[in-house]
Amino acid sequence: MNQKLKSGLLRLRDIIEIIIPSISFAITFTVFVMQVISRYVLNHPLTWAYEITVWGFAWTVILGACYAMRARSHVTFTMIYDALPLKTAALLRLLGNILIIIGLAVLIVPSCNYLKFVAFQKTSVFRIPLTVLFCPFAYFLCSIIGYATTDIRAEIKYLLGKSSTPEVTK
């Protein structure tokens, strides 16, 4: 049962971090092109297109950032780390990840309060609660905290000599 639960959660994570951002990007791009054609060729702007592109962009960026963190494909500037001894660089990465976790953990309660606050507000065109638009941010906070925690564990293993290579080189 435990393996089935883990497999299901990993599948859900892939849906949230890969499938939903891909679909939202495709919809955003399609609606954006439709809006440009409608506005400048047909001279008849679509009233609903702006709302769709804002939602799609937000969901694509927020949920796509979670996958980028998981895949370690964020842009990083490692000039300082590269110039330092491996143990010192690992220690600095460890401290950086601790700061990330603290910073994002501080945002969890206010973000949840904000989601409750905007629950009664609805979008102007589709009349969908704004909570739906902003709820990926709550997932983003938890996801990035989880990935940073994984990095912290790996850096600690390296610093304690239980791993032969620092996390950044894996």
C-alpha atoms as a PDB file:
ATOM      1  CA  MET A   1       0.000   0.000   0.000  1.00  0.00           C
ATOM      2  CA  ASN A   2       2.810   2.415   0.856  1.00  0.00           C
ATOM      3  CA  GLN A   3       4.403   1.950  -2.574  1.00  0.00           C
ATOM      4  CA  LYS A   4       1.052   2.595  -4.300  1.00  0.00           C
ATOM      5  CA  LEU A   5       0.578   5.783  -2.296  1.00  0.00           C
ATOM      6  CA  LYS A   6       4.082   6.992  -3.140  1.00  0.00           C
ATOM      7  CA  SER A   7       3.558   6.159  -6.814  1.00  0.00           C
ATOM      8  CA  GLY A   8       0.243   8.029  -6.820  1.00  0.00           C
ATOM      9  CA  LEU A   9       1.755  11.089  -5.156  1.00  0.00           C
ATOM     10  CA  LEU A  10       4.648  11.137  -7.635  1.00  0.00           C
ATOM     11  CA  ARG A  11       2.144  10.904 -10.491  1.00  0.00           C
ATOM     12  CA  LEU A  12       0.137  13.767  -8.964  1.00  0.00           C
ATOM     13  CA  ARG A  13       3.348  15.812  -8.664  1.00  0.00           C
ATOM     14  CA  ASP A  14       4.055  15.230 -12.362  1.00  0.00           C
ATOM     15  CA  ILE A  15       0.526  16.324 -13.244  1.00  0.00           C
ATOM     16  CA  ILE A  16       0.867  19.505 -11.194  1.00  0.00           C
ATOM     17  CA  GLU A  17       4.415  20.387 -12.273  1.00  0.00           C
ATOM     18  CA  ILE A  18       4.488  19.186 -15.895  1.00  0.00           C
ATOM     19  CA  ILE A  19       1.039  18.573 -17.360  1.00  0.00           C
ATOM     20  CA  ILE A  20      -0.842  21.582 -15.949  1.00  0.00           C
ATOM     21  CA  PRO A  21       1.864  24.141 -16.885  1.00  0.00           C
ATOM     22  CA  SER A  22       2.130  22.620 -20.373  1.00  0.00           C
ATOM     23  CA  ILE A  23      -1.607  22.828 -20.907  1.00  0.00           C
ATOM     24  CA  SER A  24      -1.821  26.332 -19.449  1.00  0.00           C
ATOM     25  CA  PHE A  25       1.022  27.498 -21.710  1.00  0.00           C
ATOM     26  CA  ALA A  26      -0.644  25.994 -24.785  1.00  0.00           C
ATOM     27  CA  ILE A  27      -3.960  27.645 -23.908  1.00  0.00           C
ATOM     28  CA  THR A  28      -2.263  30.963 -23.129  1.00  0.00           C
ATOM     29  CA  PHE A  29      -0.359  30.975 -26.407  1.00  0.00           C
ATOM     30  CA  THR A  30      -3.415  29.989 -28.451  1.00  0.00           C
ATOM     31  CA  VAL A  31      -5.645  32.608 -26.829  1.00  0.00           C
ATOM     32  CA  PHE A  32      -2.934  35.255 -27.183  1.00  0.00           C
ATOM     33  CA  VAL A  33      -2.647  34.585 -30.924  1.00  0.00           C
ATOM     34  CA  MET A  34      -6.450  34.604 -31.222  1.00  0.00           C
ATOM     35  CA  GLN A  35      -6.562  37.944 -29.403  1.00  0.00           C
ATOM     36  CA  VAL A  36      -3.931  39.497 -31.680  1.00  0.00           C
ATOM     37  CA  ILE A  37      -5.753  38.307 -34.802  1.00  0.00           C
ATOM     38  CA  SER A  38      -9.127  39.361 -33.448  1.00  0.00           C
ATOM     39  CA  ARG A  39      -7.930  42.790 -32.354  1.00  0.00           C
ATOM     40  CA  TYR A  40      -5.682  43.772 -35.261  1.00  0.00           C
ATOM     41  CA  VAL A  41      -7.045  41.805 -38.214  1.00  0.00           C
ATOM     42  CA  LEU A  42     -10.749  41.551 -37.451  1.00  0.00           C
ATOM     43  CA  ASN A  43     -10.791  44.817 -35.451  1.00  0.00           C
ATOM     44  CA  HIS A  44     -12.918  43.143 -32.769  1.00  0.00           C
ATOM     45  CA  PRO A  45     -11.070  42.531 -29.462  1.00  0.00           C
ATOM     46  CA  LEU A  46     -12.082  39.561 -27.321  1.00  0.00           C
ATOM     47  CA  THR A  47     -13.149  40.601 -23.826  1.00  0.00           C
ATOM     48  CA  TRP A  48     -12.271  37.275 -22.211  1.00  0.00           C
ATOM     49  CA  ALA A  49      -8.817  36.758 -23.754  1.00  0.00           C
ATOM     50  CA  TYR A  50      -6.924  38.954 -21.304  1.00  0.00           C
ATOM     51  CA  GLU A  51      -8.260  37.028 -18.333  1.00  0.00           C
ATOM     52  CA  ILE A  52      -7.264  33.681 -19.850  1.00  0.00           C
ATOM     53  CA  THR A  53      -3.736  34.853 -20.715  1.00  0.00           C
ATOM     54  CA  VAL A  54      -3.146  36.256 -17.216  1.00  0.00           C
ATOM     55  CA  TRP A  55      -4.334  33.027 -15.585  1.00  0.00           C
ATOM     56  CA  GLY A  56      -2.373  30.837 -17.978  1.00  0.00           C
ATOM     57  CA  PHE A  57       0.789  32.853 -17.552  1.00  0.00           C
ATOM     58  CA  ALA A  58       0.534  32.785 -13.750  1.00  0.00           C
ATOM     59  CA  TRP A  59      -0.065  29.045 -13.620  1.00  0.00           C
ATOM     60  CA  THR A  60       2.669  28.317 -16.175  1.00  0.00           C
ATOM     61  CA  VAL A  61       5.289  30.372 -14.343  1.00  0.00           C
ATOM     62  CA  ILE A  62       4.423  29.319 -10.793  1.00  0.00           C
ATOM     63  CA  LEU A  63       4.006  25.595 -11.428  1.00  0.00           C
ATOM     64  CA  GLY A  64       6.782  25.505 -14.027  1.00  0.00           C
ATOM     65  CA  ALA A  65       9.180  26.978 -11.457  1.00  0.00           C
ATOM     66  CA  CYS A  66       8.451  24.001  -9.201  1.00  0.00           C
ATOM     67  CA  TYR A  67       9.489  21.600 -11.950  1.00  0.00           C
ATOM     68  CA  ALA A  68      12.563  23.680 -12.763  1.00  0.00           C
ATOM     69  CA  MET A  69      13.631  23.427  -9.120  1.00  0.00           C
ATOM     70  CA  ARG A  70      13.083  19.663  -9.163  1.00  0.00           C
ATOM     71  CA  ALA A  71      15.028  19.243 -12.419  1.00  0.00           C
ATOM     72  CA  ARG A  72      17.743  21.677 -11.275  1.00  0.00           C
ATOM     73  CA  SER A  73      17.276  23.715 -14.416  1.00  0.00           C
ATOM     74  CA  HIS A  74      17.017  27.173 -12.873  1.00  0.00           C
ATOM     75  CA  VAL A  75      19.665  29.619 -13.970  1.00  0.00           C
ATOM     76  CA  THR A  76      22.452  29.667 -11.399  1.00  0.00           C
ATOM     77  CA  PHE A  77      25.544  31.803 -11.106  1.00  0.00           C
ATOM     78  CA  THR A  78      28.245  29.591  -9.655  1.00  0.00           C
ATOM     79  CA  MET A  79      31.352  31.707 -10.162  1.00  0.00           C
ATOM     80  CA  ILE A  80      31.826  32.159  -6.420  1.00  0.00           C
ATOM     81  CA  TYR A  81      31.075  28.506  -5.640  1.00  0.00           C
ATOM     82  CA  ASP A  82      33.504  27.380  -8.343  1.00  0.00           C
ATOM     83  CA  ALA A  83      36.288  29.470  -6.836  1.00  0.00           C
ATOM     84  CA  LEU A  84      35.803  28.060  -3.334  1.00  0.00           C
ATOM     85  CA  PRO A  85      36.888  24.727  -1.883  1.00  0.00           C
ATOM     86  CA  LEU A  86      34.154  22.090  -2.257  1.00  0.00           C
ATOM     87  CA  LYS A  87      33.345  21.935   1.466  1.00  0.00           C
ATOM     88  CA  THR A  88      33.045  25.720   1.732  1.00  0.00           C
ATOM     89  CA  ALA A  89      30.809  25.849  -1.334  1.00  0.00           C
ATOM     90  CA  ALA A  90      28.641  23.073   0.123  1.00  0.00           C
ATOM     91  CA  LEU A  91      28.352  24.993   3.388  1.00  0.00           C
ATOM     92  CA  LEU A  92      27.301  28.164   1.551  1.00  0.00           C
ATOM     93  CA  ARG A  93      24.710  26.215  -0.480  1.00  0.00           C
ATOM     94  CA  LEU A  94      23.437  24.726   2.771  1.00  0.00           C
ATOM     95  CA  LEU A  95      23.070  28.176   4.324  1.00  0.00           C
ATOM     96  CA  GLY A  96      21.414  29.529   1.163  1.00  0.00           C
ATOM     97  CA  ASN A  97      18.861  26.724   1.173  1.00  0.00           C
ATOM     98  CA  ILE A  98      18.152  27.322   4.861  1.00  0.00           C
ATOM     99  CA  LEU A  99      17.462  30.992   4.067  1.00  0.00           C
ATOM    100  CA  ILE A 100      15.162  29.969   1.204  1.00  0.00           C
ATOM    101  CA  ILE A 101      13.210  27.644   3.491  1.00  0.00           C
ATOM    102  CA  ILE A 102      12.882  30.291   6.203  1.00  0.00           C
ATOM    103  CA  GLY A 103      11.796  32.934   3.709  1.00  0.00           C
ATOM    104  CA  LEU A 104       9.173  30.739   2.086  1.00  0.00           C
ATOM    105  CA  ALA A 105       7.951  29.248   5.371  1.00  0.00           C
ATOM    106  CA  VAL A 106       7.231  32.762   6.613  1.00  0.00           C
ATOM    107  CA  LEU A 107       4.969  33.240   3.576  1.00  0.00           C
ATOM    108  CA  ILE A 108       2.796  30.152   4.136  1.00  0.00           C
ATOM    109  CA  VAL A 109       0.359  31.558   6.728  1.00  0.00           C
ATOM    110  CA  PRO A 110      -0.090  34.980   5.058  1.00  0.00           C
ATOM    111  CA  SER A 111      -0.598  33.260   1.698  1.00  0.00           C
ATOM    112  CA  CYS A 112      -3.279  30.968   3.111  1.00  0.00           C
ATOM    113  CA  ASN A 113      -4.935  33.967   4.773  1.00  0.00           C
ATOM    114  CA  TYR A 114      -4.894  35.807   1.456  1.00  0.00           C
ATOM    115  CA  LEU A 115      -6.449  32.812  -0.310  1.00  0.00           C
ATOM    116  CA  LYS A 116      -9.272  32.878   2.238  1.00  0.00           C
ATOM    117  CA  PHE A 117      -9.611  36.652   1.839  1.00  0.00           C
ATOM    118  CA  VAL A 118     -10.008  36.581  -1.966  1.00  0.00           C
ATOM    119  CA  ALA A 119     -12.329  33.565  -1.942  1.00  0.00           C
ATOM    120  CA  PHE A 120     -15.409  35.769  -2.249  1.00  0.00           C
ATOM    121  CA  GLN A 121     -13.953  37.906  -5.046  1.00  0.00           C
ATOM    122  CA  LYS A 122     -14.573  36.745  -8.583  1.00  0.00           C
ATOM    123  CA  THR A 123     -12.975  37.501 -11.914  1.00  0.00           C
ATOM    124  CA  SER A 124     -14.758  40.078 -14.047  1.00  0.00           C
ATOM    125  CA  VAL A 125     -15.458  37.910 -17.102  1.00  0.00           C
ATOM    126  CA  PHE A 126     -15.748  34.275 -16.029  1.00  0.00           C
ATOM    127  CA  ARG A 127     -16.833  34.960 -12.415  1.00  0.00           C
ATOM    128  CA  ILE A 128     -14.364  32.389 -11.036  1.00  0.00           C
ATOM    129  CA  PRO A 129     -13.129  32.906  -7.448  1.00  0.00           C
ATOM    130  CA  LEU A 130      -9.690  34.489  -7.299  1.00  0.00           C
ATOM    131  CA  THR A 131      -8.614  31.687  -4.968  1.00  0.00           C
ATOM    132  CA  VAL A 132      -8.446  29.445  -8.035  1.00  0.00           C
ATOM    133  CA  LEU A 133      -5.988  31.827  -9.687  1.00  0.00           C
ATOM    134  CA  PHE A 134      -3.731  32.140  -6.640  1.00  0.00           C
ATOM    135  CA  CYS A 135      -3.836  28.594  -5.212  1.00  0.00           C
ATOM    136  CA  PRO A 136      -0.782  27.409  -7.222  1.00  0.00           C
ATOM    137  CA  PHE A 137       1.310  29.767  -5.105  1.00  0.00           C
ATOM    138  CA  ALA A 138       0.547  27.727  -1.983  1.00  0.00           C
ATOM    139  CA  TYR A 139       1.728  24.603  -3.809  1.00  0.00           C
ATOM    140  CA  PHE A 140       4.808  26.527  -4.983  1.00  0.00           C
ATOM    141  CA  LEU A 141       5.775  27.390  -1.404  1.00  0.00           C
ATOM    142  CA  CYS A 142       5.456  23.805  -0.178  1.00  0.00           C
ATOM    143  CA  SER A 143       7.161  22.376  -3.252  1.00  0.00           C
ATOM    144  CA  ILE A 144      10.195  24.656  -3.139  1.00  0.00           C
ATOM    145  CA  ILE A 145      10.552  24.084   0.605  1.00  0.00           C
ATOM    146  CA  GLY A 146      10.514  20.333  -0.062  1.00  0.00           C
ATOM    147  CA  TYR A 147      13.118  20.519  -2.823  1.00  0.00           C
ATOM    148  CA  ALA A 148      15.351  22.808  -0.743  1.00  0.00           C
ATOM    149  CA  THR A 149      15.064  20.359   2.160  1.00  0.00           C
ATOM    150  CA  THR A 150      16.230  17.564  -0.125  1.00  0.00           C
ATOM    151  CA  ASP A 151      19.221  19.689  -1.144  1.00  0.00           C
ATOM    152  CA  ILE A 152      20.003  20.425   2.504  1.00  0.00           C
ATOM    153  CA  ARG A 153      20.039  16.707   3.328  1.00  0.00           C
ATOM    154  CA  ALA A 154      22.423  16.053   0.441  1.00  0.00           C
ATOM    155  CA  GLU A 155      24.756  18.889   1.480  1.00  0.00           C
ATOM    156  CA  ILE A 156      24.796  17.660   5.092  1.00  0.00           C
ATOM    157  CA  LYS A 157      25.664  14.143   3.893  1.00  0.00           C
ATOM    158  CA  TYR A 158      28.545  15.576   1.892  1.00  0.00           C
ATOM    159  CA  LEU A 159      29.775  17.767   4.748  1.00  0.00           C
ATOM    160  CA  LEU A 160      29.669  14.799   7.139  1.00  0.00           C
ATOM    161  CA  GLY A 161      31.643  12.678   4.683  1.00  0.00           C
ATOM    162  CA  LYS A 162      28.782  10.292   3.907  1.00  0.00           C
ATOM    163  CA  SER A 163      28.767  11.307   0.238  1.00  0.00           C
ATOM    164  CA  SER A 164      31.767  11.638  -2.029  1.00  0.00           C
ATOM    165  CA  THR A 165      30.509  14.522  -4.169  1.00  0.00           C
ATOM    166  CA  PRO A 166      28.762  17.795  -3.314  1.00  0.00           C
ATOM    167  CA  GLU A 167      25.114  18.099  -4.362  1.00  0.00           C
ATOM    168  CA  VAL A 168      25.711  20.700  -7.061  1.00  0.00           C
ATOM    169  CA  THR A 169      27.832  18.324  -9.129  1.00  0.00           C
ATOM    170  CA  LYS A 170      25.227  15.539  -9.194  1.00  0.00           C
END
